[in-house]
């Protein structure tokens, strides 16, 4: 695909998202809602301030990933030869991915909680019996979408013969029927959300403030009907994303005057060692 065509498709997709969102938010202009910046083929970003439609939600960083142009890779520190889990900046430097985000939850000894697959092979962790979200990517057979958010309450994942090479299990947040799958606990934390868009794109959200998972699920249900299913990765200080700075030809500013480049470059919040991450690179 040439760059002009890629830019046109990216702009069309961005405008479509904006139109859908604005239709649900009367009186909210484009500048106050969502603006997209295309960083590469299959990779766009936005800084979303939900506003009155979702008053309890803080500003969210959003990354739009087109799996037709990007490849996903699961990384676990022990399998990558690290003696200890690195922080996200080192993960990005060592793997060379354009975009890296934290995967699911883990124990104090850095053991992953749930299914975790790389290149079609289990990394030794076991299926979590109550968590039903499963991010999968890179199908082993033809005819499947290149990335999905599966709901293990209704979707089948064969652990012995997986149809996807990359997989990471975590909590189901919002299912295809629109049901919020977490309790209204009132627990506030930074959050990382992975969602499947109705077009097949994958959306990664990172909250810039603390927020209950239930509130995010309710907001997606009410304000973002284009989200088909969503799952919650690890939150709190583990909630982390990074986009390589070399992709930024321009640097947009958020409504608050913050640099987008800085916000997406892992320069916000406290960064702790991450035993498992998911990386995104061009196909």
C-alpha atoms as a PDB file:
ATOM      1  CA  UNK A   1       0.000   0.000   0.000  1.00  0.00           C
ATOM      2  CA  UNK A   2       1.376   3.447  -0.892  1.00  0.00           C
ATOM      3  CA  UNK A   3       1.549   6.139   1.763  1.00  0.00           C
ATOM      4  CA  UNK A   4      -1.156   8.340   0.204  1.00  0.00           C
ATOM      5  CA  UNK A   5      -3.626   5.494   0.115  1.00  0.00           C
ATOM      6  CA  UNK A   6      -2.738   4.482   3.688  1.00  0.00           C
ATOM      7  CA  UNK A   7      -3.208   8.050   4.866  1.00  0.00           C
ATOM      8  CA  UNK A   8      -6.588   8.286   3.135  1.00  0.00           C
ATOM      9  CA  UNK A   9      -7.811   5.049   4.686  1.00  0.00           C
ATOM     10  CA  UNK A  10      -6.521   6.100   8.083  1.00  0.00           C
ATOM     11  CA  UNK A  11      -8.255   9.455   7.833  1.00  0.00           C
ATOM     12  CA  UNK A  12     -11.478   7.795   6.689  1.00  0.00           C
ATOM     13  CA  UNK A  13     -11.390   5.410   9.634  1.00  0.00           C
ATOM     14  CA  UNK A  14     -10.673   8.258  12.035  1.00  0.00           C
ATOM     15  CA  UNK A  15     -13.524  10.343  10.652  1.00  0.00           C
ATOM     16  CA  UNK A  16     -15.841   7.357  10.921  1.00  0.00           C
ATOM     17  CA  UNK A  17     -14.961   6.886  14.589  1.00  0.00           C
ATOM     18  CA  UNK A  18     -15.472  10.570  15.236  1.00  0.00           C
ATOM     19  CA  UNK A  19     -18.831  10.616  13.500  1.00  0.00           C
ATOM     20  CA  UNK A  20     -20.091   7.670  15.537  1.00  0.00           C
ATOM     21  CA  UNK A  21     -18.911   9.161  18.798  1.00  0.00           C
ATOM     22  CA  UNK A  22     -20.228  12.639  18.085  1.00  0.00           C
ATOM     23  CA  UNK A  23     -23.639  11.281  17.112  1.00  0.00           C
ATOM     24  CA  UNK A  24     -23.880   9.939  20.647  1.00  0.00           C
ATOM     25  CA  UNK A  25     -22.644  13.134  22.267  1.00  0.00           C
ATOM     26  CA  UNK A  26     -24.881  16.032  21.238  1.00  0.00           C
ATOM     27  CA  UNK A  27     -23.272  19.425  21.527  1.00  0.00           C
ATOM     28  CA  UNK A  28     -19.717  18.097  21.656  1.00  0.00           C
ATOM     29  CA  UNK A  29     -17.512  19.397  18.861  1.00  0.00           C
ATOM     30  CA  UNK A  30     -14.721  17.470  17.167  1.00  0.00           C
ATOM     31  CA  UNK A  31     -11.927  19.306  18.992  1.00  0.00           C
ATOM     32  CA  UNK A  32     -13.440  18.388  22.360  1.00  0.00           C
ATOM     33  CA  UNK A  33     -13.933  14.728  21.525  1.00  0.00           C
ATOM     34  CA  UNK A  34     -11.492  12.516  19.624  1.00  0.00           C
ATOM     35  CA  UNK A  35      -8.833  13.506  17.102  1.00  0.00           C
ATOM     36  CA  UNK A  36      -6.596  10.879  15.523  1.00  0.00           C
ATOM     37  CA  UNK A  37      -2.953  11.002  14.542  1.00  0.00           C
ATOM     38  CA  UNK A  38      -1.674   8.380  12.103  1.00  0.00           C
ATOM     39  CA  UNK A  39       1.837   7.264  13.066  1.00  0.00           C
ATOM     40  CA  UNK A  40       2.312   4.365  10.628  1.00  0.00           C
ATOM     41  CA  UNK A  41       0.341   1.971   8.441  1.00  0.00           C
ATOM     42  CA  UNK A  42      -2.145   0.336  10.780  1.00  0.00           C
ATOM     43  CA  UNK A  43      -1.291   2.492  13.799  1.00  0.00           C
ATOM     44  CA  UNK A  44      -3.218   5.575  14.962  1.00  0.00           C
ATOM     45  CA  UNK A  45      -3.425   7.300  18.343  1.00  0.00           C
ATOM     46  CA  UNK A  46      -5.773   9.634  20.148  1.00  0.00           C
ATOM     47  CA  UNK A  47      -6.097  11.348  23.523  1.00  0.00           C
ATOM     48  CA  UNK A  48      -9.745  10.920  24.487  1.00  0.00           C
ATOM     49  CA  UNK A  49     -11.428  13.029  27.168  1.00  0.00           C
ATOM     50  CA  UNK A  50     -14.866  11.404  27.521  1.00  0.00           C
ATOM     51  CA  UNK A  51     -16.430  14.429  29.220  1.00  0.00           C
ATOM     52  CA  UNK A  52     -20.103  14.610  30.117  1.00  0.00           C
ATOM     53  CA  UNK A  53     -21.014  11.345  28.398  1.00  0.00           C
ATOM     54  CA  UNK A  54     -18.828   9.445  30.901  1.00  0.00           C
ATOM     55  CA  UNK A  55     -18.240  11.884  33.777  1.00  0.00           C
ATOM     56  CA  UNK A  56     -16.319   9.466  36.007  1.00  0.00           C
ATOM     57  CA  UNK A  57     -13.740   8.557  33.371  1.00  0.00           C
ATOM     58  CA  UNK A  58     -10.382  10.333  33.254  1.00  0.00           C
ATOM     59  CA  UNK A  59      -8.574  11.161  30.031  1.00  0.00           C
ATOM     60  CA  UNK A  60      -7.725   7.996  28.097  1.00  0.00           C
ATOM     61  CA  UNK A  61      -4.870   7.327  25.702  1.00  0.00           C
ATOM     62  CA  UNK A  62      -6.176   5.288  22.762  1.00  0.00           C
ATOM     63  CA  UNK A  63      -4.175   3.272  20.225  1.00  0.00           C
ATOM     64  CA  UNK A  64      -5.979   1.983  17.102  1.00  0.00           C
ATOM     65  CA  UNK A  65      -4.240  -1.052  15.573  1.00  0.00           C
ATOM     66  CA  UNK A  66      -5.156  -2.592  12.222  1.00  0.00           C
ATOM     67  CA  UNK A  67      -4.079  -6.269  12.348  1.00  0.00           C
ATOM     68  CA  UNK A  68      -3.972  -6.411   8.548  1.00  0.00           C
ATOM     69  CA  UNK A  69      -0.915  -4.150   8.669  1.00  0.00           C
ATOM     70  CA  UNK A  70       0.551  -4.994  12.081  1.00  0.00           C
ATOM     71  CA  UNK A  71       1.762  -8.116  13.856  1.00  0.00           C
ATOM     72  CA  UNK A  72       1.345  -8.918  17.566  1.00  0.00           C
ATOM     73  CA  UNK A  73       3.949 -10.723  19.678  1.00  0.00           C
ATOM     74  CA  UNK A  74       3.721 -11.944  23.280  1.00  0.00           C
ATOM     75  CA  UNK A  75       6.898 -11.640  25.363  1.00  0.00           C
ATOM     76  CA  UNK A  76       7.691 -13.127  28.772  1.00  0.00           C
ATOM     77  CA  UNK A  77      10.910 -12.059  30.471  1.00  0.00           C
ATOM     78  CA  UNK A  78      12.140 -15.586  31.291  1.00  0.00           C
ATOM     79  CA  UNK A  79      11.672 -16.714  27.685  1.00  0.00           C
ATOM     80  CA  UNK A  80      13.535 -13.647  26.427  1.00  0.00           C
ATOM     81  CA  UNK A  81      16.642 -14.307  28.509  1.00  0.00           C
ATOM     82  CA  UNK A  82      16.071 -11.598  31.144  1.00  0.00           C
ATOM     83  CA  UNK A  83      17.217 -12.392  34.684  1.00  0.00           C
ATOM     84  CA  UNK A  84      14.540 -10.018  36.011  1.00  0.00           C
ATOM     85  CA  UNK A  85      11.475  -8.401  34.417  1.00  0.00           C
ATOM     86  CA  UNK A  86      12.435  -5.145  32.666  1.00  0.00           C
ATOM     87  CA  UNK A  87      10.523  -1.892  32.592  1.00  0.00           C
ATOM     88  CA  UNK A  88       8.566  -0.970  29.502  1.00  0.00           C
ATOM     89  CA  UNK A  89      11.254   1.298  28.016  1.00  0.00           C
ATOM     90  CA  UNK A  90      13.759  -1.553  28.055  1.00  0.00           C
ATOM     91  CA  UNK A  91      11.153  -3.920  26.637  1.00  0.00           C
ATOM     92  CA  UNK A  92      10.657  -1.584  23.705  1.00  0.00           C
ATOM     93  CA  UNK A  93      14.394  -1.122  23.167  1.00  0.00           C
ATOM     94  CA  UNK A  94      15.143  -4.858  23.326  1.00  0.00           C
ATOM     95  CA  UNK A  95      12.255  -6.038  21.147  1.00  0.00           C
ATOM     96  CA  UNK A  96      12.271  -3.171  18.647  1.00  0.00           C
ATOM     97  CA  UNK A  97       8.475  -3.039  18.501  1.00  0.00           C
ATOM     98  CA  UNK A  98       6.745   0.169  17.448  1.00  0.00           C
ATOM     99  CA  UNK A  99       4.250  -0.194  20.287  1.00  0.00           C
ATOM    100  CA  UNK A 100       4.405  -2.161  23.554  1.00  0.00           C
ATOM    101  CA  UNK A 101       1.749  -2.535  26.252  1.00  0.00           C
ATOM    102  CA  UNK A 102       1.419  -4.530  29.467  1.00  0.00           C
ATOM    103  CA  UNK A 103      -0.227  -7.931  29.311  1.00  0.00           C
ATOM    104  CA  UNK A 104      -2.393  -9.616  31.961  1.00  0.00           C
ATOM    105  CA  UNK A 105      -1.961 -10.196  35.679  1.00  0.00           C
ATOM    106  CA  UNK A 106       0.865 -12.001  37.481  1.00  0.00           C
ATOM    107  CA  UNK A 107       1.806 -13.283  40.926  1.00  0.00           C
ATOM    108  CA  UNK A 108       4.472 -11.830  43.223  1.00  0.00           C
ATOM    109  CA  UNK A 109       6.990 -14.330  41.813  1.00  0.00           C
ATOM    110  CA  UNK A 110       6.172 -12.989  38.301  1.00  0.00           C
ATOM    111  CA  UNK A 111       4.257 -16.115  37.267  1.00  0.00           C
ATOM    112  CA  UNK A 112       1.594 -15.200  34.727  1.00  0.00           C
ATOM    113  CA  UNK A 113      -2.005 -15.732  35.819  1.00  0.00           C
ATOM    114  CA  UNK A 114      -3.832 -17.407  32.956  1.00  0.00           C
ATOM    115  CA  UNK A 115      -3.137 -18.790  29.505  1.00  0.00           C
ATOM    116  CA  UNK A 116      -0.058 -17.389  27.789  1.00  0.00           C
ATOM    117  CA  UNK A 117       1.119 -18.510  24.341  1.00  0.00           C
ATOM    118  CA  UNK A 118       3.989 -17.464  22.119  1.00  0.00           C
ATOM    119  CA  UNK A 119       4.582 -18.862  18.629  1.00  0.00           C
ATOM    120  CA  UNK A 120       1.866 -21.449  19.238  1.00  0.00           C
ATOM    121  CA  UNK A 121       3.443 -22.858  22.406  1.00  0.00           C
ATOM    122  CA  UNK A 122       2.283 -22.440  25.983  1.00  0.00           C
ATOM    123  CA  UNK A 123       4.718 -20.610  28.235  1.00  0.00           C
ATOM    124  CA  UNK A 124       3.715 -22.862  31.108  1.00  0.00           C
ATOM    125  CA  UNK A 125       0.910 -20.952  32.774  1.00  0.00           C
ATOM    126  CA  UNK A 126      -2.499 -22.531  33.356  1.00  0.00           C
ATOM    127  CA  UNK A 127      -5.989 -21.422  32.358  1.00  0.00           C
ATOM    128  CA  UNK A 128      -7.610 -19.189  34.979  1.00  0.00           C
ATOM    129  CA  UNK A 129     -11.004 -20.702  35.724  1.00  0.00           C
ATOM    130  CA  UNK A 130     -12.947 -17.481  36.262  1.00  0.00           C
ATOM    131  CA  UNK A 131     -11.280 -14.979  33.906  1.00  0.00           C
ATOM    132  CA  UNK A 132     -12.924 -15.229  30.510  1.00  0.00           C
ATOM    133  CA  UNK A 133     -11.086 -12.667  28.376  1.00  0.00           C
ATOM    134  CA  UNK A 134      -8.469 -13.949  25.940  1.00  0.00           C
ATOM    135  CA  UNK A 135      -6.533 -11.787  23.506  1.00  0.00           C
ATOM    136  CA  UNK A 136      -5.392 -13.874  20.535  1.00  0.00           C
ATOM    137  CA  UNK A 137      -3.403 -12.984  17.434  1.00  0.00           C
ATOM    138  CA  UNK A 138      -1.528 -14.475  14.490  1.00  0.00           C
ATOM    139  CA  UNK A 139      -3.770 -17.360  13.356  1.00  0.00           C
ATOM    140  CA  UNK A 140      -2.154 -20.707  12.604  1.00  0.00           C
ATOM    141  CA  UNK A 141      -4.716 -21.455   9.884  1.00  0.00           C
ATOM    142  CA  UNK A 142      -6.120 -19.363   7.059  1.00  0.00           C
ATOM    143  CA  UNK A 143      -9.534 -17.723   7.127  1.00  0.00           C
ATOM    144  CA  UNK A 144      -9.394 -16.352  10.682  1.00  0.00           C
ATOM    145  CA  UNK A 145      -9.108 -12.730  11.768  1.00  0.00           C
ATOM    146  CA  UNK A 146      -5.524 -11.822  12.543  1.00  0.00           C
ATOM    147  CA  UNK A 147      -6.372 -10.639  16.072  1.00  0.00           C
ATOM    148  CA  UNK A 148      -9.392 -11.035  18.352  1.00  0.00           C
ATOM    149  CA  UNK A 149     -10.707 -10.579  21.844  1.00  0.00           C
ATOM    150  CA  UNK A 150     -12.293 -13.920  22.689  1.00  0.00           C
ATOM    151  CA  UNK A 151     -14.881 -14.578  25.379  1.00  0.00           C
ATOM    152  CA  UNK A 152     -14.062 -17.990  26.866  1.00  0.00           C
ATOM    153  CA  UNK A 153     -17.615 -18.220  28.181  1.00  0.00           C
ATOM    154  CA  UNK A 154     -18.732 -18.771  24.580  1.00  0.00           C
ATOM    155  CA  UNK A 155     -15.591 -19.048  22.407  1.00  0.00           C
ATOM    156  CA  UNK A 156     -13.455 -22.192  22.296  1.00  0.00           C
ATOM    157  CA  UNK A 157      -9.685 -22.147  22.714  1.00  0.00           C
ATOM    158  CA  UNK A 158      -7.991 -25.535  22.299  1.00  0.00           C
ATOM    159  CA  UNK A 159      -4.901 -25.476  24.492  1.00  0.00           C
ATOM    160  CA  UNK A 160      -3.346 -28.483  22.737  1.00  0.00           C
ATOM    161  CA  UNK A 161      -3.978 -27.276  19.195  1.00  0.00           C
ATOM    162  CA  UNK A 162      -4.481 -23.505  19.401  1.00  0.00           C
ATOM    163  CA  UNK A 163      -5.736 -21.765  16.281  1.00  0.00           C
ATOM    164  CA  UNK A 164      -3.720 -18.670  17.244  1.00  0.00           C
ATOM    165  CA  UNK A 165       0.015 -18.488  17.900  1.00  0.00           C
ATOM    166  CA  UNK A 166      -0.139 -15.592  20.399  1.00  0.00           C
ATOM    167  CA  UNK A 167      -2.525 -15.521  23.360  1.00  0.00           C
ATOM    168  CA  UNK A 168      -2.861 -13.803  26.746  1.00  0.00           C
ATOM    169  CA  UNK A 169      -5.707 -14.338  29.219  1.00  0.00           C
ATOM    170  CA  UNK A 170      -7.183 -11.700  31.535  1.00  0.00           C
ATOM    171  CA  UNK A 171     -10.522 -10.386  32.811  1.00  0.00           C
ATOM    172  CA  UNK A 172     -13.500 -10.023  30.494  1.00  0.00           C
ATOM    173  CA  UNK A 173     -14.843  -6.476  30.804  1.00  0.00           C
ATOM    174  CA  UNK A 174     -17.635  -6.140  28.234  1.00  0.00           C
ATOM    175  CA  UNK A 175     -19.066  -8.919  26.080  1.00  0.00           C
ATOM    176  CA  UNK A 176     -20.752  -8.906  22.689  1.00  0.00           C
ATOM    177  CA  UNK A 177     -24.222  -8.773  24.229  1.00  0.00           C
ATOM    178  CA  UNK A 178     -23.313  -5.533  26.014  1.00  0.00           C
ATOM    179  CA  UNK A 179     -23.082  -7.116  29.453  1.00  0.00           C
ATOM    180  CA  UNK A 180     -20.498  -5.648  31.837  1.00  0.00           C
ATOM    181  CA  UNK A 181     -18.573  -8.629  33.188  1.00  0.00           C
ATOM    182  CA  UNK A 182     -16.947  -7.092  36.265  1.00  0.00           C
ATOM    183  CA  UNK A 183     -18.529  -6.218  39.572  1.00  0.00           C
ATOM    184  CA  UNK A 184     -19.187  -2.656  40.685  1.00  0.00           C
ATOM    185  CA  UNK A 185     -16.487  -2.829  43.369  1.00  0.00           C
ATOM    186  CA  UNK A 186     -15.640   0.872  43.605  1.00  0.00           C
ATOM    187  CA  UNK A 187     -11.916   0.057  43.468  1.00  0.00           C
ATOM    188  CA  UNK A 188      -9.977   2.814  41.695  1.00  0.00           C
ATOM    189  CA  UNK A 189      -6.795   2.097  39.701  1.00  0.00           C
ATOM    190  CA  UNK A 190      -5.015   2.970  36.490  1.00  0.00           C
ATOM    191  CA  UNK A 191      -6.302   0.643  33.775  1.00  0.00           C
ATOM    192  CA  UNK A 192      -5.213  -0.898  30.474  1.00  0.00           C
ATOM    193  CA  UNK A 193      -8.066  -2.130  28.276  1.00  0.00           C
ATOM    194  CA  UNK A 194      -7.866  -4.169  25.062  1.00  0.00           C
ATOM    195  CA  UNK A 195     -10.983  -4.019  22.888  1.00  0.00           C
ATOM    196  CA  UNK A 196     -12.118  -5.389  19.556  1.00  0.00           C
ATOM    197  CA  UNK A 197     -13.684  -2.823  17.230  1.00  0.00           C
ATOM    198  CA  UNK A 198     -16.514  -3.867  14.927  1.00  0.00           C
ATOM    199  CA  UNK A 199     -14.195  -3.320  11.940  1.00  0.00           C
ATOM    200  CA  UNK A 200     -11.723  -5.879  13.307  1.00  0.00           C
ATOM    201  CA  UNK A 201      -9.254  -3.281  14.555  1.00  0.00           C
ATOM    202  CA  UNK A 202      -7.830  -3.692  18.055  1.00  0.00           C
ATOM    203  CA  UNK A 203      -8.082  -0.710  20.425  1.00  0.00           C
ATOM    204  CA  UNK A 204      -5.791  -0.329  23.437  1.00  0.00           C
ATOM    205  CA  UNK A 205      -6.893   2.183  26.103  1.00  0.00           C
ATOM    206  CA  UNK A 206      -4.689   3.495  28.909  1.00  0.00           C
ATOM    207  CA  UNK A 207      -6.271   5.666  31.609  1.00  0.00           C
ATOM    208  CA  UNK A 208      -4.304   8.694  32.749  1.00  0.00           C
ATOM    209  CA  UNK A 209      -6.151   8.685  36.057  1.00  0.00           C
ATOM    210  CA  UNK A 210      -7.552   6.083  38.433  1.00  0.00           C
ATOM    211  CA  UNK A 211     -10.996   4.705  37.615  1.00  0.00           C
ATOM    212  CA  UNK A 212     -13.091   1.611  38.477  1.00  0.00           C
ATOM    213  CA  UNK A 213     -13.213  -1.050  35.767  1.00  0.00           C
ATOM    214  CA  UNK A 214     -17.007  -1.082  35.978  1.00  0.00           C
ATOM    215  CA  UNK A 215     -17.173   2.589  34.996  1.00  0.00           C
ATOM    216  CA  UNK A 216     -15.090   1.911  31.880  1.00  0.00           C
ATOM    217  CA  UNK A 217     -17.356  -0.975  30.913  1.00  0.00           C
ATOM    218  CA  UNK A 218     -20.452   1.190  31.381  1.00  0.00           C
ATOM    219  CA  UNK A 219     -18.926   4.005  29.306  1.00  0.00           C
ATOM    220  CA  UNK A 220     -18.012   1.666  26.460  1.00  0.00           C
ATOM    221  CA  UNK A 221     -21.510   0.188  26.524  1.00  0.00           C
ATOM    222  CA  UNK A 222     -23.243   3.585  26.457  1.00  0.00           C
ATOM    223  CA  UNK A 223     -20.867   5.704  24.359  1.00  0.00           C
ATOM    224  CA  UNK A 224     -18.796   3.354  22.180  1.00  0.00           C
ATOM    225  CA  UNK A 225     -21.129   0.787  20.605  1.00  0.00           C
ATOM    226  CA  UNK A 226     -18.439   0.117  17.976  1.00  0.00           C
ATOM    227  CA  UNK A 227     -16.571  -1.823  20.685  1.00  0.00           C
ATOM    228  CA  UNK A 228     -17.655  -5.445  20.280  1.00  0.00           C
ATOM    229  CA  UNK A 229     -15.817  -7.004  23.233  1.00  0.00           C
ATOM    230  CA  UNK A 230     -13.289  -5.682  25.736  1.00  0.00           C
ATOM    231  CA  UNK A 231     -10.959  -7.157  28.337  1.00  0.00           C
ATOM    232  CA  UNK A 232      -8.937  -5.651  31.179  1.00  0.00           C
ATOM    233  CA  UNK A 233      -5.210  -6.257  31.432  1.00  0.00           C
ATOM    234  CA  UNK A 234      -3.284  -5.660  34.653  1.00  0.00           C
ATOM    235  CA  UNK A 235      -4.004  -2.311  36.275  1.00  0.00           C
ATOM    236  CA  UNK A 236      -2.453  -0.060  38.872  1.00  0.00           C
ATOM    237  CA  UNK A 237       1.258   0.598  38.494  1.00  0.00           C
ATOM    238  CA  UNK A 238       1.454  -2.222  35.928  1.00  0.00           C
ATOM    239  CA  UNK A 239      -0.748  -0.275  33.496  1.00  0.00           C
ATOM    240  CA  UNK A 240       1.796   0.877  30.935  1.00  0.00           C
ATOM    241  CA  UNK A 241       2.188   1.590  27.220  1.00  0.00           C
ATOM    242  CA  UNK A 242       4.973   2.944  25.028  1.00  0.00           C
ATOM    243  CA  UNK A 243       5.207   4.002  21.379  1.00  0.00           C
ATOM    244  CA  UNK A 244       8.660   4.484  19.885  1.00  0.00           C
ATOM    245  CA  UNK A 245       9.378   8.200  19.549  1.00  0.00           C
ATOM    246  CA  UNK A 246      10.777   7.918  16.002  1.00  0.00           C
ATOM    247  CA  UNK A 247       7.227   7.489  14.636  1.00  0.00           C
ATOM    248  CA  UNK A 248       6.273  11.053  15.541  1.00  0.00           C
ATOM    249  CA  UNK A 249       6.685  13.367  12.559  1.00  0.00           C
ATOM    250  CA  UNK A 250       4.471  15.928  14.279  1.00  0.00           C
ATOM    251  CA  UNK A 251       3.523  16.279  17.923  1.00  0.00           C
ATOM    252  CA  UNK A 252      -0.073  17.174  18.674  1.00  0.00           C
ATOM    253  CA  UNK A 253      -1.115  18.696  21.972  1.00  0.00           C
ATOM    254  CA  UNK A 254      -3.890  17.526  24.239  1.00  0.00           C
ATOM    255  CA  UNK A 255      -6.627  19.881  25.407  1.00  0.00           C
ATOM    256  CA  UNK A 256      -4.621  20.364  28.599  1.00  0.00           C
ATOM    257  CA  UNK A 257      -1.545  21.298  26.542  1.00  0.00           C
ATOM    258  CA  UNK A 258       0.328  18.034  27.084  1.00  0.00           C
ATOM    259  CA  UNK A 259       2.562  16.632  24.360  1.00  0.00           C
ATOM    260  CA  UNK A 260       1.047  13.533  22.740  1.00  0.00           C
ATOM    261  CA  UNK A 261       4.545  12.237  22.044  1.00  0.00           C
ATOM    262  CA  UNK A 262       5.376  12.419  25.739  1.00  0.00           C
ATOM    263  CA  UNK A 263       2.096  10.827  26.815  1.00  0.00           C
ATOM    264  CA  UNK A 264       2.591   7.807  24.534  1.00  0.00           C
ATOM    265  CA  UNK A 265       6.330   7.418  25.167  1.00  0.00           C
ATOM    266  CA  UNK A 266       6.094   5.927  28.639  1.00  0.00           C
ATOM    267  CA  UNK A 267       6.889   9.205  30.374  1.00  0.00           C
ATOM    268  CA  UNK A 268       3.805   9.365  32.589  1.00  0.00           C
ATOM    269  CA  UNK A 269       3.243   7.708  35.942  1.00  0.00           C
ATOM    270  CA  UNK A 270       5.404   5.228  37.836  1.00  0.00           C
ATOM    271  CA  UNK A 271       6.933   2.414  35.799  1.00  0.00           C
ATOM    272  CA  UNK A 272       7.558  -0.953  37.411  1.00  0.00           C
ATOM    273  CA  UNK A 273       9.121  -4.133  35.988  1.00  0.00           C
ATOM    274  CA  UNK A 274       6.708  -5.985  33.691  1.00  0.00           C
ATOM    275  CA  UNK A 275       7.136  -9.758  33.354  1.00  0.00           C
ATOM    276  CA  UNK A 276       4.907  -9.941  30.271  1.00  0.00           C
ATOM    277  CA  UNK A 277       4.170  -7.498  27.460  1.00  0.00           C
ATOM    278  CA  UNK A 278       2.577  -7.557  24.022  1.00  0.00           C
ATOM    279  CA  UNK A 279       4.412  -5.878  21.170  1.00  0.00           C
ATOM    280  CA  UNK A 280       3.140  -4.508  17.851  1.00  0.00           C
ATOM    281  CA  UNK A 281       5.272  -4.265  14.692  1.00  0.00           C
ATOM    282  CA  UNK A 282       4.615  -3.799  10.962  1.00  0.00           C
ATOM    283  CA  UNK A 283       3.811  -6.904   8.908  1.00  0.00           C
END
